[in-house]
């Protein structure tokens, strides 16, 4: 079967990094993630695109994100940040600041 110009164009679009990103986000959002998980995914996308400008700024952004989640009670035991987010947080994001989990 001969591929039409339109089929070739669609195949090129599907091969794009941007298509794969949007497809992954679509699949992720279809799983009905929590607000915390969505914000962490948003951070990951920005970080992958080097949107923070430097590693230190990315660490500051991760720290800010974790504090926003903590301040808004969006960090539940089943929603613990992954190791990357824990490392970026300069204080105990999951606790009271004294190493005690809340």
PDB file of N, CA and C in Angstrom:
ATOM      1  N   UNK A   1       0.842  -1.179   0.000  1.00  0.00           N
ATOM      2  CA  UNK A   1       0.000   0.000   0.000  1.00  0.00           C
ATOM      3  C   UNK A   1       0.888   1.243   0.000  1.00  0.00           C
ATOM      4  N   UNK A   2       0.589   2.147  -0.866  1.00  0.00           N
ATOM      5  CA  UNK A   2       1.388   3.356  -1.023  1.00  0.00           C
ATOM      6  C   UNK A   2       0.990   4.388   0.040  1.00  0.00           C
ATOM      7  N   UNK A   3       2.023   4.964   0.662  1.00  0.00           N
ATOM      8  CA  UNK A   3       1.766   5.988   1.673  1.00  0.00           C
ATOM      9  C   UNK A   3       1.522   7.325   0.990  1.00  0.00           C
ATOM     10  N   UNK A   4       0.487   7.975   1.433  1.00  0.00           N
ATOM     11  CA  UNK A   4       0.165   9.286   0.865  1.00  0.00           C
ATOM     12  C   UNK A   4       1.038  10.345   1.515  1.00  0.00           C
ATOM     13  N   UNK A   5       1.039  11.504   0.922  1.00  0.00           N
ATOM     14  CA  UNK A   5       1.771  12.645   1.485  1.00  0.00           C
ATOM     15  C   UNK A   5       1.277  12.941   2.899  1.00  0.00           C
ATOM     16  N   UNK A   6      -0.023  12.856   3.089  1.00  0.00           N
ATOM     17  CA  UNK A   6      -0.586  13.136   4.408  1.00  0.00           C
ATOM     18  C   UNK A   6      -0.112  12.105   5.434  1.00  0.00           C
ATOM     19  N   UNK A   7      -0.065  10.826   5.047  1.00  0.00           N
ATOM     20  CA  UNK A   7       0.421   9.780   5.954  1.00  0.00           C
ATOM     21  C   UNK A   7       1.871  10.040   6.353  1.00  0.00           C
ATOM     22  N   UNK A   8       2.677  10.447   5.378  1.00  0.00           N
ATOM     23  CA  UNK A   8       4.084  10.746   5.654  1.00  0.00           C
ATOM     24  C   UNK A   8       4.210  11.921   6.609  1.00  0.00           C
ATOM     25  N   UNK A   9       3.373  12.933   6.391  1.00  0.00           N
ATOM     26  CA  UNK A   9       3.404  14.103   7.267  1.00  0.00           C
ATOM     27  C   UNK A   9       3.018  13.707   8.694  1.00  0.00           C
ATOM     28  N   UNK A  10       1.960  12.906   8.832  1.00  0.00           N
ATOM     29  CA  UNK A  10       1.535  12.463  10.161  1.00  0.00           C
ATOM     30  C   UNK A  10       2.622  11.629  10.840  1.00  0.00           C
ATOM     31  N   UNK A  11       3.311  10.798  10.083  1.00  0.00           N
ATOM     32  CA  UNK A  11       4.403   9.993  10.639  1.00  0.00           C
ATOM     33  C   UNK A  11       5.540  10.888  11.128  1.00  0.00           C
ATOM     34  N   UNK A  12       5.848  11.943  10.361  1.00  0.00           N
ATOM     35  CA  UNK A  12       6.892  12.893  10.782  1.00  0.00           C
ATOM     36  C   UNK A  12       6.486  13.607  12.066  1.00  0.00           C
ATOM     37  N   UNK A  13       5.234  14.001  12.146  1.00  0.00           N
ATOM     38  CA  UNK A  13       4.748  14.692  13.350  1.00  0.00           C
ATOM     39  C   UNK A  13       4.843  13.757  14.558  1.00  0.00           C
ATOM     40  N   UNK A  14       4.433  12.515  14.382  1.00  0.00           N
ATOM     41  CA  UNK A  14       4.474  11.552  15.493  1.00  0.00           C
ATOM     42  C   UNK A  14       5.897  11.225  15.930  1.00  0.00           C
ATOM     43  N   UNK A  15       6.866  11.451  15.071  1.00  0.00           N
ATOM     44  CA  UNK A  15       8.267  11.194  15.411  1.00  0.00           C
ATOM     45  C   UNK A  15       8.906  12.369  16.164  1.00  0.00           C
ATOM     46  N   UNK A  16       8.219  13.473  16.232  1.00  0.00           N
ATOM     47  CA  UNK A  16       8.774  14.656  16.900  1.00  0.00           C
ATOM     48  C   UNK A  16       8.839  14.470  18.417  1.00  0.00           C
ATOM     49  N   UNK A  17       9.833  15.083  19.010  1.00  0.00           N
ATOM     50  CA  UNK A  17       9.958  15.096  20.467  1.00  0.00           C
ATOM     51  C   UNK A  17       8.746  15.768  21.096  1.00  0.00           C
ATOM     52  N   UNK A  18       8.260  16.829  20.494  1.00  0.00           N
ATOM     53  CA  UNK A  18       7.100  17.534  21.057  1.00  0.00           C
ATOM     54  C   UNK A  18       5.861  16.647  21.047  1.00  0.00           C
ATOM     55  N   UNK A  19       5.683  15.849  20.004  1.00  0.00           N
ATOM     56  CA  UNK A  19       4.550  14.924  19.961  1.00  0.00           C
ATOM     57  C   UNK A  19       4.652  13.914  21.095  1.00  0.00           C
ATOM     58  N   UNK A  20       5.847  13.347  21.267  1.00  0.00           N
ATOM     59  CA  UNK A  20       6.040  12.353  22.333  1.00  0.00           C
ATOM     60  C   UNK A  20       5.787  12.973  23.701  1.00  0.00           C
ATOM     61  N   UNK A  21       6.230  14.205  23.897  1.00  0.00           N
ATOM     62  CA  UNK A  21       5.994  14.891  25.171  1.00  0.00           C
ATOM     63  C   UNK A  21       4.502  15.059  25.425  1.00  0.00           C
ATOM     64  N   UNK A  22       3.772  15.574  24.443  1.00  0.00           N
ATOM     65  CA  UNK A  22       2.337  15.778  24.620  1.00  0.00           C
ATOM     66  C   UNK A  22       1.600  14.454  24.800  1.00  0.00           C
ATOM     67  N   UNK A  23       2.044  13.414  24.121  1.00  0.00           N
ATOM     68  CA  UNK A  23       1.434  12.092  24.274  1.00  0.00           C
ATOM     69  C   UNK A  23       1.654  11.569  25.686  1.00  0.00           C
ATOM     70  N   UNK A  24       2.871  11.722  26.189  1.00  0.00           N
ATOM     71  CA  UNK A  24       3.162  11.286  27.560  1.00  0.00           C
ATOM     72  C   UNK A  24       2.333  12.081  28.565  1.00  0.00           C
ATOM     73  N   UNK A  25       2.207  13.378  28.358  1.00  0.00           N
ATOM     74  CA  UNK A  25       1.397  14.203  29.260  1.00  0.00           C
ATOM     75  C   UNK A  25      -0.073  13.807  29.178  1.00  0.00           C
ATOM     76  N   UNK A  26      -0.546  13.546  27.993  1.00  0.00           N
ATOM     77  CA  UNK A  26      -1.933  13.107  27.794  1.00  0.00           C
ATOM     78  C   UNK A  26      -2.191  11.818  28.573  1.00  0.00           C
ATOM     79  N   UNK A  27      -1.299  10.836  28.394  1.00  0.00           N
ATOM     80  CA  UNK A  27      -1.446   9.557  29.096  1.00  0.00           C
ATOM     81  C   UNK A  27      -1.377   9.749  30.611  1.00  0.00           C
ATOM     82  N   UNK A  28      -0.446  10.589  31.063  1.00  0.00           N
ATOM     83  CA  UNK A  28      -0.293  10.887  32.490  1.00  0.00           C
ATOM     84  C   UNK A  28      -1.566  11.505  33.058  1.00  0.00           C
ATOM     85  N   UNK A  29      -2.118  12.489  32.379  1.00  0.00           N
ATOM     86  CA  UNK A  29      -3.312  13.178  32.872  1.00  0.00           C
ATOM     87  C   UNK A  29      -4.551  12.292  32.830  1.00  0.00           C
ATOM     88  N   UNK A  30      -4.601  11.353  31.911  1.00  0.00           N
ATOM     89  CA  UNK A  30      -5.727  10.414  31.849  1.00  0.00           C
ATOM     90  C   UNK A  30      -5.782   9.500  33.060  1.00  0.00           C
ATOM     91  N   UNK A  31      -4.678   9.383  33.787  1.00  0.00           N
ATOM     92  CA  UNK A  31      -4.638   8.554  35.000  1.00  0.00           C
ATOM     93  C   UNK A  31      -5.192   9.308  36.206  1.00  0.00           C
ATOM     94  N   UNK A  32      -5.652  10.540  36.001  1.00  0.00           N
ATOM     95  CA  UNK A  32      -6.236  11.365  37.066  1.00  0.00           C
ATOM     96  C   UNK A  32      -5.257  11.559  38.234  1.00  0.00           C
ATOM     97  N   UNK A  33      -4.061  12.101  37.957  1.00  0.00           N
ATOM     98  CA  UNK A  33      -3.085  12.295  39.027  1.00  0.00           C
ATOM     99  C   UNK A  33      -3.524  13.406  39.995  1.00  0.00           C
ATOM    100  N   UNK A  34      -2.899  13.430  41.147  1.00  0.00           N
ATOM    101  CA  UNK A  34      -3.176  14.470  42.133  1.00  0.00           C
ATOM    102  C   UNK A  34      -2.573  15.795  41.661  1.00  0.00           C
ATOM    103  N   UNK A  35      -2.983  16.866  42.307  1.00  0.00           N
ATOM    104  CA  UNK A  35      -2.419  18.185  41.999  1.00  0.00           C
ATOM    105  C   UNK A  35      -0.912  18.161  42.231  1.00  0.00           C
ATOM    106  N   UNK A  36      -0.485  17.532  43.313  1.00  0.00           N
ATOM    107  CA  UNK A  36       0.951  17.449  43.612  1.00  0.00           C
ATOM    108  C   UNK A  36       1.700  16.727  42.492  1.00  0.00           C
ATOM    109  N   UNK A  37       1.146  15.622  42.015  1.00  0.00           N
ATOM    110  CA  UNK A  37       1.798  14.882  40.935  1.00  0.00           C
ATOM    111  C   UNK A  37       1.842  15.694  39.641  1.00  0.00           C
ATOM    112  N   UNK A  38       0.783  16.440  39.363  1.00  0.00           N
ATOM    113  CA  UNK A  38       0.757  17.286  38.163  1.00  0.00           C
ATOM    114  C   UNK A  38       1.814  18.367  38.270  1.00  0.00           C
ATOM    115  N   UNK A  39       1.910  19.017  39.424  1.00  0.00           N
ATOM    116  CA  UNK A  39       2.920  20.072  39.590  1.00  0.00           C
ATOM    117  C   UNK A  39       4.332  19.508  39.497  1.00  0.00           C
ATOM    118  N   UNK A  40       4.544  18.326  40.045  1.00  0.00           N
ATOM    119  CA  UNK A  40       5.875  17.715  39.938  1.00  0.00           C
ATOM    120  C   UNK A  40       6.196  17.357  38.490  1.00  0.00           C
ATOM    121  N   UNK A  41       5.199  16.875  37.756  1.00  0.00           N
ATOM    122  CA  UNK A  41       5.404  16.562  36.335  1.00  0.00           C
ATOM    123  C   UNK A  41       5.731  17.842  35.566  1.00  0.00           C
ATOM    124  N   UNK A  42       5.013  18.922  35.885  1.00  0.00           N
ATOM    125  CA  UNK A  42       5.271  20.222  35.259  1.00  0.00           C
ATOM    126  C   UNK A  42       6.707  20.665  35.540  1.00  0.00           C
ATOM    127  N   UNK A  43       7.146  20.510  36.780  1.00  0.00           N
ATOM    128  CA  UNK A  43       8.526  20.827  37.132  1.00  0.00           C
ATOM    129  C   UNK A  43       9.491  19.978  36.291  1.00  0.00           C
ATOM    130  N   UNK A  44       9.216  18.669  36.191  1.00  0.00           N
ATOM    131  CA  UNK A  44      10.096  17.774  35.434  1.00  0.00           C
ATOM    132  C   UNK A  44      10.209  18.192  33.969  1.00  0.00           C
ATOM    133  N   UNK A  45       9.086  18.592  33.380  1.00  0.00           N
ATOM    134  CA  UNK A  45       9.108  19.039  31.972  1.00  0.00           C
ATOM    135  C   UNK A  45       9.954  20.294  31.845  1.00  0.00           C
ATOM    136  N   UNK A  46       9.726  21.261  32.739  1.00  0.00           N
ATOM    137  CA  UNK A  46      10.518  22.492  32.693  1.00  0.00           C
ATOM    138  C   UNK A  46      11.997  22.198  32.901  1.00  0.00           C
ATOM    139  N   UNK A  47      12.302  21.325  33.851  1.00  0.00           N
ATOM    140  CA  UNK A  47      13.693  20.997  34.149  1.00  0.00           C
ATOM    141  C   UNK A  47      14.353  20.298  32.962  1.00  0.00           C
ATOM    142  N   UNK A  48      13.630  19.398  32.322  1.00  0.00           N
ATOM    143  CA  UNK A  48      14.183  18.690  31.163  1.00  0.00           C
ATOM    144  C   UNK A  48      14.500  19.650  30.015  1.00  0.00           C
ATOM    145  N   UNK A  49      13.726  20.722  29.934  1.00  0.00           N
ATOM    146  CA  UNK A  49      13.955  21.725  28.885  1.00  0.00           C
ATOM    147  C   UNK A  49      14.950  22.802  29.330  1.00  0.00           C
ATOM    148  N   UNK A  50      15.523  22.613  30.513  1.00  0.00           N
ATOM    149  CA  UNK A  50      16.498  23.557  31.071  1.00  0.00           C
ATOM    150  C   UNK A  50      15.913  24.960  31.236  1.00  0.00           C
ATOM    151  N   UNK A  51      14.636  25.005  31.570  1.00  0.00           N
ATOM    152  CA  UNK A  51      13.929  26.280  31.693  1.00  0.00           C
ATOM    153  C   UNK A  51      14.352  27.094  32.901  1.00  0.00           C
ATOM    154  N   UNK A  52      14.974  26.469  33.879  1.00  0.00           N
ATOM    155  CA  UNK A  52      15.373  27.197  35.080  1.00  0.00           C
ATOM    156  C   UNK A  52      16.721  27.896  34.920  1.00  0.00           C
ATOM    157  N   UNK A  53      17.445  27.564  33.857  1.00  0.00           N
ATOM    158  CA  UNK A  53      18.675  28.277  33.536  1.00  0.00           C
ATOM    159  C   UNK A  53      19.933  27.701  34.158  1.00  0.00           C
ATOM    160  N   UNK A  54      19.812  27.115  35.333  1.00  0.00           N
ATOM    161  CA  UNK A  54      20.980  26.520  35.984  1.00  0.00           C
ATOM    162  C   UNK A  54      20.508  25.435  36.939  1.00  0.00           C
ATOM    163  N   UNK A  55      21.441  24.591  37.325  1.00  0.00           N
ATOM    164  CA  UNK A  55      21.108  23.520  38.256  1.00  0.00           C
ATOM    165  C   UNK A  55      20.661  24.107  39.598  1.00  0.00           C
ATOM    166  N   UNK A  56      21.320  25.146  40.034  1.00  0.00           N
ATOM    167  CA  UNK A  56      20.960  25.766  41.315  1.00  0.00           C
ATOM    168  C   UNK A  56      19.545  26.347  41.250  1.00  0.00           C
ATOM    169  N   UNK A  57      19.214  27.025  40.151  1.00  0.00           N
ATOM    170  CA  UNK A  57      17.860  27.570  40.017  1.00  0.00           C
ATOM    171  C   UNK A  57      16.818  26.448  39.977  1.00  0.00           C
ATOM    172  N   UNK A  58      17.167  25.320  39.364  1.00  0.00           N
ATOM    173  CA  UNK A  58      16.260  24.174  39.345  1.00  0.00           C
ATOM    174  C   UNK A  58      16.060  23.642  40.762  1.00  0.00           C
ATOM    175  N   UNK A  59      17.129  23.640  41.553  1.00  0.00           N
ATOM    176  CA  UNK A  59      17.017  23.221  42.955  1.00  0.00           C
ATOM    177  C   UNK A  59      16.119  24.172  43.736  1.00  0.00           C
ATOM    178  N   UNK A  60      16.295  25.462  43.508  1.00  0.00           N
ATOM    179  CA  UNK A  60      15.432  26.446  44.174  1.00  0.00           C
ATOM    180  C   UNK A  60      13.965  26.236  43.775  1.00  0.00           C
ATOM    181  N   UNK A  61      13.734  25.953  42.502  1.00  0.00           N
ATOM    182  CA  UNK A  61      12.370  25.735  42.024  1.00  0.00           C
ATOM    183  C   UNK A  61      11.763  24.491  42.674  1.00  0.00           C
ATOM    184  N   UNK A  62      12.538  23.410  42.775  1.00  0.00           N
ATOM    185  CA  UNK A  62      12.057  22.186  43.419  1.00  0.00           C
ATOM    186  C   UNK A  62      11.749  22.449  44.889  1.00  0.00           C
ATOM    187  N   UNK A  63      12.605  23.208  45.524  1.00  0.00           N
ATOM    188  CA  UNK A  63      12.394  23.576  46.923  1.00  0.00           C
ATOM    189  C   UNK A  63      11.098  24.374  47.069  1.00  0.00           C
ATOM    190  N   UNK A  64      10.885  25.324  46.184  1.00  0.00           N
ATOM    191  CA  UNK A  64       9.658  26.130  46.216  1.00  0.00           C
ATOM    192  C   UNK A  64       8.431  25.265  45.992  1.00  0.00           C
ATOM    193  N   UNK A  65       8.508  24.366  45.029  1.00  0.00           N
ATOM    194  CA  UNK A  65       7.384  23.476  44.737  1.00  0.00           C
ATOM    195  C   UNK A  65       7.027  22.641  45.963  1.00  0.00           C
ATOM    196  N   UNK A  66       8.025  22.038  46.589  1.00  0.00           N
ATOM    197  CA  UNK A  66       7.750  21.195  47.749  1.00  0.00           C
ATOM    198  C   UNK A  66       7.152  22.006  48.901  1.00  0.00           C
ATOM    199  N   UNK A  67       7.592  23.243  49.073  1.00  0.00           N
ATOM    200  CA  UNK A  67       7.028  24.071  50.132  1.00  0.00           C
ATOM    201  C   UNK A  67       5.585  24.469  49.816  1.00  0.00           C
ATOM    202  N   UNK A  68       5.295  24.773  48.567  1.00  0.00           N
ATOM    203  CA  UNK A  68       3.911  25.071  48.170  1.00  0.00           C
ATOM    204  C   UNK A  68       3.020  23.869  48.488  1.00  0.00           C
ATOM    205  N   UNK A  69       3.490  22.680  48.145  1.00  0.00           N
ATOM    206  CA  UNK A  69       2.704  21.476  48.405  1.00  0.00           C
ATOM    207  C   UNK A  69       2.521  21.256  49.903  1.00  0.00           C
ATOM    208  N   UNK A  70       3.584  21.469  50.656  1.00  0.00           N
ATOM    209  CA  UNK A  70       3.505  21.312  52.110  1.00  0.00           C
ATOM    210  C   UNK A  70       2.564  22.351  52.713  1.00  0.00           C
ATOM    211  N   UNK A  71       2.688  23.595  52.291  1.00  0.00           N
ATOM    212  CA  UNK A  71       1.845  24.672  52.816  1.00  0.00           C
ATOM    213  C   UNK A  71       0.372  24.453  52.514  1.00  0.00           C
ATOM    214  N   UNK A  72       0.095  23.728  51.451  1.00  0.00           N
ATOM    215  CA  UNK A  72      -1.289  23.499  51.041  1.00  0.00           C
ATOM    216  C   UNK A  72      -1.745  22.074  51.301  1.00  0.00           C
ATOM    217  N   UNK A  73      -1.053  21.391  52.177  1.00  0.00           N
ATOM    218  CA  UNK A  73      -1.423  20.031  52.582  1.00  0.00           C
ATOM    219  C   UNK A  73      -1.608  19.083  51.407  1.00  0.00           C
ATOM    220  N   UNK A  74      -0.783  19.254  50.372  1.00  0.00           N
ATOM    221  CA  UNK A  74      -0.895  18.405  49.186  1.00  0.00           C
ATOM    222  C   UNK A  74       0.107  17.256  49.196  1.00  0.00           C
ATOM    223  N   UNK A  75       0.845  17.108  50.283  1.00  0.00           N
ATOM    224  CA  UNK A  75       1.820  16.036  50.345  1.00  0.00           C
ATOM    225  C   UNK A  75       1.281  14.985  51.297  1.00  0.00           C
ATOM    226  N   UNK A  76       0.775  13.910  50.711  1.00  0.00           N
ATOM    227  CA  UNK A  76       0.224  12.802  51.489  1.00  0.00           C
ATOM    228  C   UNK A  76       1.228  11.660  51.475  1.00  0.00           C
ATOM    229  N   UNK A  77       1.142  10.724  52.417  1.00  0.00           N
ATOM    230  CA  UNK A  77       2.091   9.607  52.459  1.00  0.00           C
ATOM    231  C   UNK A  77       2.237   8.875  51.127  1.00  0.00           C
ATOM    232  N   UNK A  78       1.154   8.733  50.362  1.00  0.00           N
ATOM    233  CA  UNK A  78       1.254   8.043  49.064  1.00  0.00           C
ATOM    234  C   UNK A  78       1.796   8.961  47.981  1.00  0.00           C
ATOM    235  N   UNK A  79       2.047  10.214  48.331  1.00  0.00           N
ATOM    236  CA  UNK A  79       2.483  11.221  47.373  1.00  0.00           C
ATOM    237  C   UNK A  79       3.874  11.760  47.680  1.00  0.00           C
ATOM    238  N   UNK A  80       4.712  10.958  48.289  1.00  0.00           N
ATOM    239  CA  UNK A  80       6.035  11.422  48.676  1.00  0.00           C
ATOM    240  C   UNK A  80       6.827  11.837  47.435  1.00  0.00           C
ATOM    241  N   UNK A  81       7.613  12.922  47.522  1.00  0.00           N
ATOM    242  CA  UNK A  81       8.427  13.304  46.370  1.00  0.00           C
ATOM    243  C   UNK A  81       9.492  12.257  46.097  1.00  0.00           C
ATOM    244  N   UNK A  82       9.874  12.139  44.830  1.00  0.00           N
ATOM    245  CA  UNK A  82      10.906  11.175  44.505  1.00  0.00           C
ATOM    246  C   UNK A  82      12.266  11.695  44.973  1.00  0.00           C
ATOM    247  N   UNK A  83      13.294  10.877  44.810  1.00  0.00           N
ATOM    248  CA  UNK A  83      14.618  11.222  45.315  1.00  0.00           C
ATOM    249  C   UNK A  83      15.157  12.519  44.718  1.00  0.00           C
ATOM    250  N   UNK A  84      14.888  12.762  43.438  1.00  0.00           N
ATOM    251  CA  UNK A  84      15.359  13.984  42.789  1.00  0.00           C
ATOM    252  C   UNK A  84      14.790  15.212  43.500  1.00  0.00           C
ATOM    253  N   UNK A  85      13.493  15.166  43.824  1.00  0.00           N
ATOM    254  CA  UNK A  85      12.868  16.298  44.479  1.00  0.00           C
ATOM    255  C   UNK A  85      13.317  16.421  45.927  1.00  0.00           C
ATOM    256  N   UNK A  86      13.556  15.287  46.590  1.00  0.00           N
ATOM    257  CA  UNK A  86      14.034  15.329  47.970  1.00  0.00           C
ATOM    258  C   UNK A  86      15.424  15.952  48.030  1.00  0.00           C
ATOM    259  N   UNK A  87      16.308  15.574  47.094  1.00  0.00           N
ATOM    260  CA  UNK A  87      17.666  16.116  47.076  1.00  0.00           C
ATOM    261  C   UNK A  87      17.662  17.612  46.841  1.00  0.00           C
ATOM    262  N   UNK A  88      16.760  18.085  45.991  1.00  0.00           N
ATOM    263  CA  UNK A  88      16.730  19.495  45.633  1.00  0.00           C
ATOM    264  C   UNK A  88      16.204  20.357  46.776  1.00  0.00           C
ATOM    265  N   UNK A  89      15.538  19.751  47.714  1.00  0.00           N
ATOM    266  CA  UNK A  89      14.933  20.499  48.815  1.00  0.00           C
ATOM    267  C   UNK A  89      15.980  20.687  49.905  1.00  0.00           C
ATOM    268  N   UNK A  90      16.297  21.921  50.246  1.00  0.00           N
ATOM    269  CA  UNK A  90      17.349  22.216  51.208  1.00  0.00           C
ATOM    270  C   UNK A  90      16.922  21.944  52.646  1.00  0.00           C
ATOM    271  N   UNK A  91      15.654  21.754  52.875  1.00  0.00           N
ATOM    272  CA  UNK A  91      15.170  21.429  54.211  1.00  0.00           C
ATOM    273  C   UNK A  91      14.282  20.199  54.127  1.00  0.00           C
ATOM    274  N   UNK A  92      13.858  19.699  55.243  1.00  0.00           N
ATOM    275  CA  UNK A  92      13.025  18.506  55.269  1.00  0.00           C
ATOM    276  C   UNK A  92      11.621  18.870  54.807  1.00  0.00           C
ATOM    277  N   UNK A  93      11.361  18.719  53.517  1.00  0.00           N
ATOM    278  CA  UNK A  93      10.076  19.124  52.936  1.00  0.00           C
ATOM    279  C   UNK A  93       8.902  18.348  53.508  1.00  0.00           C
ATOM    280  N   UNK A  94       9.170  17.176  53.982  1.00  0.00           N
ATOM    281  CA  UNK A  94       8.083  16.326  54.442  1.00  0.00           C
ATOM    282  C   UNK A  94       7.858  16.449  55.945  1.00  0.00           C
ATOM    283  N   UNK A  95       8.689  17.179  56.631  1.00  0.00           N
ATOM    284  CA  UNK A  95       8.577  17.233  58.088  1.00  0.00           C
ATOM    285  C   UNK A  95       8.382  18.646  58.599  1.00  0.00           C
ATOM    286  N   UNK A  96       8.762  18.823  59.845  1.00  0.00           N
ATOM    287  CA  UNK A  96       8.537  20.116  60.500  1.00  0.00           C
ATOM    288  C   UNK A  96       9.765  21.020  60.440  1.00  0.00           C
ATOM    289  N   UNK A  97      10.770  20.635  59.670  1.00  0.00           N
ATOM    290  CA  UNK A  97      12.003  21.403  59.575  1.00  0.00           C
ATOM    291  C   UNK A  97      13.048  20.936  60.561  1.00  0.00           C
ATOM    292  N   UNK A  98      12.669  20.033  61.460  1.00  0.00           N
ATOM    293  CA  UNK A  98      13.589  19.507  62.467  1.00  0.00           C
ATOM    294  C   UNK A  98      13.884  18.028  62.242  1.00  0.00           C
ATOM    295  N   UNK A  99      13.561  17.554  61.063  1.00  0.00           N
ATOM    296  CA  UNK A  99      13.799  16.140  60.753  1.00  0.00           C
ATOM    297  C   UNK A  99      12.662  15.235  61.195  1.00  0.00           C
ATOM    298  N   UNK A 100      11.596  15.815  61.712  1.00  0.00           N
ATOM    299  CA  UNK A 100      10.453  15.016  62.144  1.00  0.00           C
ATOM    300  C   UNK A 100       9.379  15.050  61.071  1.00  0.00           C
ATOM    301  N   UNK A 101       8.966  13.899  60.628  1.00  0.00           N
ATOM    302  CA  UNK A 101       7.903  13.853  59.618  1.00  0.00           C
ATOM    303  C   UNK A 101       6.578  14.218  60.246  1.00  0.00           C
ATOM    304  N   UNK A 102       5.798  14.971  59.496  1.00  0.00           N
ATOM    305  CA  UNK A 102       4.476  15.362  59.978  1.00  0.00           C
ATOM    306  C   UNK A 102       3.410  14.591  59.268  1.00  0.00           C
TER     307      UNK A 102
END
